[in-house]
C-alpha atoms as a PDB file:
ATOM      1  CA  MET A   1     210.939  83.477 180.586  1.00  0.00           C
ATOM      2  CA  SER A   2     214.155  85.427 180.988  1.00  0.00           C
ATOM      3  CA  VAL A   3     215.024  85.639 184.686  1.00  0.00           C
ATOM      4  CA  ILE A   4     217.434  88.331 185.856  1.00  0.00           C
ATOM      5  CA  THR A   5     219.921  86.751 188.248  1.00  0.00           C
ATOM      6  CA  THR A   6     222.821  89.217 188.469  1.00  0.00           C
ATOM      7  CA  ILE A   7     223.334  92.899 189.206  1.00  0.00           C
ATOM      8  CA  GLU A   8     225.190  93.194 185.900  1.00  0.00           C
ATOM      9  CA  GLN A   9     222.092  92.051 184.021  1.00  0.00           C
ATOM     10  CA  LEU A  10     219.988  94.629 185.833  1.00  0.00           C
ATOM     11  CA  GLU A  11     222.458  97.392 185.081  1.00  0.00           C
ATOM     12  CA  ALA A  12     222.491  96.417 181.426  1.00  0.00           C
ATOM     13  CA  ILE A  13     218.741  97.040 181.328  1.00  0.00           C
ATOM     14  CA  TYR A  14     218.389 100.058 183.609  1.00  0.00           C
ATOM     15  CA  GLY A  15     221.779 101.720 183.494  1.00  0.00           C
ATOM     16  CA  PHE A  16     222.723 103.788 186.534  1.00  0.00           C
ATOM     17  CA  PRO A  17     220.776 106.319 188.634  1.00  0.00           C
ATOM     18  CA  GLY A  18     221.184 109.994 187.832  1.00  0.00           C
ATOM     19  CA  GLU A  19     222.481 112.607 190.216  1.00  0.00           C
ATOM     20  CA  ALA A  20     218.983 113.590 191.385  1.00  0.00           C
ATOM     21  CA  SER A  21     218.409 109.992 192.505  1.00  0.00           C
ATOM     22  CA  THR A  22     221.520 109.894 194.680  1.00  0.00           C
ATOM     23  CA  VAL A  23     222.160 113.420 195.946  1.00  0.00           C
ATOM     24  CA  LYS A  24     218.830 113.393 197.816  1.00  0.00           C
ATOM     25  CA  VAL A  25     219.940 110.590 200.164  1.00  0.00           C
ATOM     26  CA  ALA A  26     220.877 111.721 203.684  1.00  0.00           C
ATOM     27  CA  ASP A  27     222.131 109.775 206.692  1.00  0.00           C
ATOM     28  CA  ARG A  28     220.095 111.907 209.095  1.00  0.00           C
ATOM     29  CA  VAL A  29     216.754 113.708 209.223  1.00  0.00           C
ATOM     30  CA  THR A  30     217.233 117.078 207.516  1.00  0.00           C
ATOM     31  CA  ALA A  31     214.944 120.080 208.041  1.00  0.00           C
ATOM     32  CA  SER A  32     213.179 119.433 204.721  1.00  0.00           C
ATOM     33  CA  TYR A  33     212.652 115.763 205.451  1.00  0.00           C
ATOM     34  CA  ARG A  34     211.324 116.558 208.902  1.00  0.00           C
ATOM     35  CA  ALA A  35     208.817 118.963 207.326  1.00  0.00           C
ATOM     36  CA  LEU A  36     207.496 116.117 205.156  1.00  0.00           C
ATOM     37  CA  MET A  37     207.410 113.715 208.087  1.00  0.00           C
ATOM     38  CA  ASP A  38     205.527 116.150 210.323  1.00  0.00           C
ATOM     39  CA  GLN A  39     202.656 116.361 207.804  1.00  0.00           C
ATOM     40  CA  SER A  40     202.252 112.617 207.375  1.00  0.00           C
ATOM     41  CA  PRO A  41     199.389 110.751 209.110  1.00  0.00           C
ATOM     42  CA  PHE A  42     200.249 107.381 207.537  1.00  0.00           C
ATOM     43  CA  VAL A  43     203.332 105.159 207.400  1.00  0.00           C
ATOM     44  CA  ALA A  44     203.950 101.674 206.037  1.00  0.00           C
ATOM     45  CA  LEU A  45     206.370  99.845 208.367  1.00  0.00           C
ATOM     46  CA  ALA A  46     208.450  97.063 206.821  1.00  0.00           C
ATOM     47  CA  THR A  47     210.233  94.522 209.022  1.00  0.00           C
ATOM     48  CA  CYS A  48     211.901  91.150 208.595  1.00  0.00           C
ATOM     49  CA  GLY A  49     212.181  88.085 210.775  1.00  0.00           C
ATOM     50  CA  PRO A  50     212.851  84.354 210.688  1.00  0.00           C
ATOM     51  CA  GLU A  51     209.426  83.673 209.169  1.00  0.00           C
ATOM     52  CA  GLY A  52     209.927  86.235 206.404  1.00  0.00           C
ATOM     53  CA  LEU A  53     208.908  89.819 205.667  1.00  0.00           C
ATOM     54  CA  ASP A  54     206.044  91.931 206.953  1.00  0.00           C
ATOM     55  CA  CYS A  55     204.607  95.315 205.974  1.00  0.00           C
ATOM     56  CA  SER A  56     202.213  96.936 208.412  1.00  0.00           C
ATOM     57  CA  PRO A  57     200.059 100.077 208.046  1.00  0.00           C
ATOM     58  CA  ARG A  58     200.457 102.694 210.784  1.00  0.00           C
ATOM     59  CA  GLY A  59     198.144 105.689 211.007  1.00  0.00           C
ATOM     60  CA  ASP A  60     197.724 108.451 213.565  1.00  0.00           C
ATOM     61  CA  LEU A  61     197.588 112.230 213.796  1.00  0.00           C
ATOM     62  CA  PRO A  62     200.079 114.016 211.487  1.00  0.00           C
ATOM     63  CA  GLY A  63     203.546 114.003 213.003  1.00  0.00           C
ATOM     64  CA  PHE A  64     202.904 110.866 215.048  1.00  0.00           C
ATOM     65  CA  VAL A  65     206.353 109.599 214.092  1.00  0.00           C
ATOM     66  CA  ARG A  66     208.261 111.784 216.512  1.00  0.00           C
ATOM     67  CA  PHE A  67     211.560 113.445 215.700  1.00  0.00           C
ATOM     68  CA  HIS A  68     213.790 112.881 218.737  1.00  0.00           C
ATOM     69  CA  ASP A  69     217.031 113.963 217.112  1.00  0.00           C
ATOM     70  CA  GLU A  70     218.466 113.906 213.594  1.00  0.00           C
ATOM     71  CA  LYS A  71     219.310 110.205 213.891  1.00  0.00           C
ATOM     72  CA  THR A  72     216.390 108.998 216.022  1.00  0.00           C
ATOM     73  CA  LEU A  73     212.659 108.596 215.341  1.00  0.00           C
ATOM     74  CA  MET A  74     209.987 107.296 217.703  1.00  0.00           C
ATOM     75  CA  MET A  75     206.616 105.786 216.805  1.00  0.00           C
ATOM     76  CA  PRO A  76     203.921 104.647 219.256  1.00  0.00           C
ATOM     77  CA  ASP A  77     202.419 101.205 218.793  1.00  0.00           C
ATOM     78  CA  ARG A  78     198.712 102.035 219.029  1.00  0.00           C
ATOM     79  CA  ARG A  79     195.828  99.644 219.594  1.00  0.00           C
ATOM     80  CA  GLY A  80     195.519  96.923 216.967  1.00  0.00           C
ATOM     81  CA  ASN A  81     194.884  93.232 216.506  1.00  0.00           C
ATOM     82  CA  ASN A  82     197.603  92.040 218.919  1.00  0.00           C
ATOM     83  CA  ARG A  83     199.291  89.900 216.267  1.00  0.00           C
ATOM     84  CA  CYS A  84     202.470  91.927 216.945  1.00  0.00           C
ATOM     85  CA  ASP A  85     204.011  90.800 213.639  1.00  0.00           C
ATOM     86  CA  SER A  86     206.185  93.901 213.338  1.00  0.00           C
ATOM     87  CA  LEU A  87     207.236  93.881 216.991  1.00  0.00           C
ATOM     88  CA  ARG A  88     208.066  90.166 216.935  1.00  0.00           C
ATOM     89  CA  ASN A  89     210.279  90.806 213.926  1.00  0.00           C
ATOM     90  CA  ILE A  90     212.049  93.830 215.418  1.00  0.00           C
ATOM     91  CA  VAL A  91     213.035  92.050 218.640  1.00  0.00           C
ATOM     92  CA  ARG A  92     214.730  89.366 216.518  1.00  0.00           C
ATOM     93  CA  ASP A  93     215.988  91.443 213.580  1.00  0.00           C
ATOM     94  CA  PRO A  94     216.307  95.232 214.031  1.00  0.00           C
ATOM     95  CA  ARG A  95     216.246  96.140 210.327  1.00  0.00           C
ATOM     96  CA  VAL A  96     213.237  98.305 209.472  1.00  0.00           C
ATOM     97  CA  ALA A  97     211.998 100.626 206.731  1.00  0.00           C
ATOM     98  CA  LEU A  98     209.315 103.322 206.701  1.00  0.00           C
ATOM     99  CA  LEU A  99     207.327 104.757 203.801  1.00  0.00           C
ATOM    100  CA  PHE A 100     205.479 107.988 204.631  1.00  0.00           C
ATOM    101  CA  LEU A 101     202.436 109.145 202.639  1.00  0.00           C
ATOM    102  CA  ILE A 102     201.189 112.742 202.756  1.00  0.00           C
ATOM    103  CA  PRO A 103     197.587 113.289 201.582  1.00  0.00           C
ATOM    104  CA  GLY A 104     197.548 115.580 198.580  1.00  0.00           C
ATOM    105  CA  SER A 105     201.287 115.353 197.939  1.00  0.00           C
ATOM    106  CA  GLY A 106     202.990 113.316 195.242  1.00  0.00           C
ATOM    107  CA  SER A 107     206.172 113.026 197.294  1.00  0.00           C
ATOM    108  CA  THR A 108     206.679 110.077 199.582  1.00  0.00           C
ATOM    109  CA  LEU A 109     209.444 109.733 202.156  1.00  0.00           C
ATOM    110  CA  ARG A 110     211.524 106.598 202.623  1.00  0.00           C
ATOM    111  CA  VAL A 111     213.556 105.826 205.740  1.00  0.00           C
ATOM    112  CA  ASN A 112     215.774 102.800 206.347  1.00  0.00           C
ATOM    113  CA  GLY A 113     217.423 101.934 209.624  1.00  0.00           C
ATOM    114  CA  ARG A 114     217.422  99.790 212.722  1.00  0.00           C
ATOM    115  CA  ALA A 115     214.961  99.770 215.586  1.00  0.00           C
ATOM    116  CA  HIS A 116     214.222  98.464 219.035  1.00  0.00           C
ATOM    117  CA  VAL A 117     211.002  98.206 221.034  1.00  0.00           C
ATOM    118  CA  SER A 118     210.806 100.241 224.247  1.00  0.00           C
ATOM    119  CA  ALA A 119     208.421  99.911 227.192  1.00  0.00           C
ATOM    120  CA  GLU A 120     209.995 102.762 229.174  1.00  0.00           C
ATOM    121  CA  PRO A 121     207.129 104.158 231.304  1.00  0.00           C
ATOM    122  CA  GLU A 122     208.025 107.827 230.856  1.00  0.00           C
ATOM    123  CA  LEU A 123     208.350 107.404 227.090  1.00  0.00           C
ATOM    124  CA  LEU A 124     205.000 105.628 226.876  1.00  0.00           C
ATOM    125  CA  ALA A 125     203.337 108.363 228.933  1.00  0.00           C
ATOM    126  CA  SER A 126     204.666 111.031 226.551  1.00  0.00           C
ATOM    127  CA  PHE A 127     202.609 109.475 223.744  1.00  0.00           C
ATOM    128  CA  LYS A 128     199.283 109.435 225.585  1.00  0.00           C
ATOM    129  CA  MET A 129     196.121 110.158 223.606  1.00  0.00           C
ATOM    130  CA  ASP A 130     192.790 110.566 225.381  1.00  0.00           C
ATOM    131  CA  GLY A 131     194.619 109.584 228.547  1.00  0.00           C
ATOM    132  CA  LYS A 132     195.764 106.265 227.063  1.00  0.00           C
ATOM    133  CA  ALA A 133     199.422 105.396 226.521  1.00  0.00           C
ATOM    134  CA  PRO A 134     200.673 102.908 223.935  1.00  0.00           C
ATOM    135  CA  ARG A 135     202.000  99.649 225.318  1.00  0.00           C
ATOM    136  CA  THR A 136     205.306 100.077 223.474  1.00  0.00           C
ATOM    137  CA  VAL A 137     207.175 102.583 221.316  1.00  0.00           C
ATOM    138  CA  ILE A 138     209.320 101.710 218.303  1.00  0.00           C
ATOM    139  CA  VAL A 139     212.617 103.630 218.492  1.00  0.00           C
ATOM    140  CA  MET A 140     214.416 103.831 215.139  1.00  0.00           C
ATOM    141  CA  THR A 141     217.974 104.837 214.305  1.00  0.00           C
ATOM    142  CA  VAL A 142     218.096 106.374 210.822  1.00  0.00           C
ATOM    143  CA  ASN A 143     220.627 104.943 208.380  1.00  0.00           C
ATOM    144  CA  ASP A 144     219.355 106.711 205.271  1.00  0.00           C
ATOM    145  CA  ILE A 145     216.392 108.885 204.339  1.00  0.00           C
ATOM    146  CA  TYR A 146     215.220 110.277 201.009  1.00  0.00           C
ATOM    147  CA  PHE A 147     212.126 111.384 199.130  1.00  0.00           C
ATOM    148  CA  GLN A 148     210.649 109.333 196.311  1.00  0.00           C
ATOM    149  CA  CYS A 149     209.518 111.151 193.161  1.00  0.00           C
ATOM    150  CA  ALA A 150     205.799 111.464 192.452  1.00  0.00           C
ATOM    151  CA  ARG A 151     205.441 109.079 189.497  1.00  0.00           C
ATOM    152  CA  ALA A 152     203.790 106.286 191.485  1.00  0.00           C
ATOM    153  CA  ILE A 153     201.255 108.637 193.091  1.00  0.00           C
ATOM    154  CA  VAL A 154     200.555 110.334 189.752  1.00  0.00           C
ATOM    155  CA  ARG A 155     200.103 107.013 187.931  1.00  0.00           C
ATOM    156  CA  ALA A 156     197.761 105.800 190.654  1.00  0.00           C
ATOM    157  CA  ASP A 157     195.906 109.153 190.727  1.00  0.00           C
ATOM    158  CA  LEU A 158     195.810 108.373 194.412  1.00  0.00           C
ATOM    159  CA  TRP A 159     194.414 111.619 195.797  1.00  0.00           C
ATOM    160  CA  ASN A 160     191.726 112.148 193.160  1.00  0.00           C
ATOM    161  CA  PRO A 161     188.370 112.010 195.021  1.00  0.00           C
ATOM    162  CA  ASP A 162     186.645 110.983 191.797  1.00  0.00           C
ATOM    163  CA  LYS A 163     188.702 107.781 191.770  1.00  0.00           C
ATOM    164  CA  ARG A 164     187.658 106.606 195.215  1.00  0.00           C
ATOM    165  CA  VAL A 165     186.251 103.082 195.301  1.00  0.00           C
ATOM    166  CA  ASP A 166     182.750 102.670 196.698  1.00  0.00           C
ATOM    167  CA  PRO A 167     183.188 100.457 199.808  1.00  0.00           C
ATOM    168  CA  LYS A 168     179.874  98.801 198.988  1.00  0.00           C
ATOM    169  CA  THR A 169     181.531  97.159 195.970  1.00  0.00           C
ATOM    170  CA  LEU A 170     184.149  95.435 198.159  1.00  0.00           C
ATOM    171  CA  PRO A 171     184.016  92.448 200.504  1.00  0.00           C
ATOM    172  CA  THR A 172     183.677  93.653 204.096  1.00  0.00           C
ATOM    173  CA  PRO A 173     185.915  92.447 206.954  1.00  0.00           C
ATOM    174  CA  GLY A 174     182.915  90.546 208.271  1.00  0.00           C
ATOM    175  CA  ASP A 175     182.440  88.868 204.885  1.00  0.00           C
ATOM    176  CA  ILE A 176     186.080  87.805 204.733  1.00  0.00           C
ATOM    177  CA  LEU A 177     186.161  86.531 208.317  1.00  0.00           C
ATOM    178  CA  ALA A 178     182.982  84.519 207.760  1.00  0.00           C
ATOM    179  CA  GLU A 179     184.378  83.006 204.580  1.00  0.00           C
ATOM    180  CA  MET A 180     187.689  82.081 206.208  1.00  0.00           C
ATOM    181  CA  SER A 181     186.108  80.635 209.371  1.00  0.00           C
ATOM    182  CA  ASP A 182     183.138  78.732 207.948  1.00  0.00           C
ATOM    183  CA  ASN A 183     180.899  81.401 209.490  1.00  0.00           C
ATOM    184  CA  THR A 184     182.156  80.919 213.041  1.00  0.00           C
ATOM    185  CA  VAL A 185     183.632  84.451 213.134  1.00  0.00           C
ATOM    186  CA  GLY A 186     182.607  87.673 211.424  1.00  0.00           C
ATOM    187  CA  GLY A 187     179.503  88.200 209.367  1.00  0.00           C
ATOM    188  CA  GLU A 188     177.041  91.079 209.347  1.00  0.00           C
ATOM    189  CA  LYS A 189     177.090  91.414 213.153  1.00  0.00           C
ATOM    190  CA  TYR A 190     180.860  91.956 213.107  1.00  0.00           C
ATOM    191  CA  ASP A 191     180.579  94.716 210.511  1.00  0.00           C
ATOM    192  CA  ARG A 192     177.682  96.373 212.338  1.00  0.00           C
ATOM    193  CA  GLU A 193     179.504  96.461 215.685  1.00  0.00           C
ATOM    194  CA  TRP A 194     182.981  97.358 214.420  1.00  0.00           C
ATOM    195  CA  PRO A 195     182.614 101.187 214.135  1.00  0.00           C
ATOM    196  CA  GLU A 196     181.612 101.570 217.782  1.00  0.00           C
ATOM    197  CA  ARG A 197     184.205  99.043 218.935  1.00  0.00           C
ATOM    198  CA  ALA A 198     186.879 100.919 217.006  1.00  0.00           C
ATOM    199  CA  ARG A 199     185.727 104.258 218.429  1.00  0.00           C
ATOM    200  CA  GLN A 200     186.083 102.964 221.960  1.00  0.00           C
ATOM    201  CA  THR A 201     189.498 101.379 221.359  1.00  0.00           C
ATOM    202  CA  MET A 202     191.125 103.894 219.001  1.00  0.00           C
ATOM    203  CA  TRP A 203     193.929 104.742 221.408  1.00  0.00           C
END
């Protein structure tokens, strides 16, 4: 096995990025990048902490990552599993990255920066849905932002409805929980009750 251990070795294999790969990078949210962001209902949030790295899915109504100004984004922390992996990381290491997906579009949007977690009451109230405010909001300062070309989405054929996987062919959350807990948690009852539980706790 030939292990690459230096930047020089990488550059010998890949060369250097072309102009289109570098000119697209901005240090602020431009009008075009905001237009992409405002149509996205899904973001992957990457954080790092003493225990290592974490990547968390975040989904909401399109535009849920709020443009505050050209250097500042805000994202509500909606109801979840209360592990708080991302939040625990941010309070100890502010470095974060976002990857926006836009259904139907090959373009993705990447944002790198630094963040803090806010529990400011007025800010929380501004993100209310169905009368319910998030418990915290992630406030991000943008260091760099750029779109990613469509090759990954095209290769994956991600938005092709004919390529959707039948959920019945996959292990369910209840199956996995039962397996991992020697049947003390999860099972068919968990799967049966989850849709209504999720409906009642969406926000």
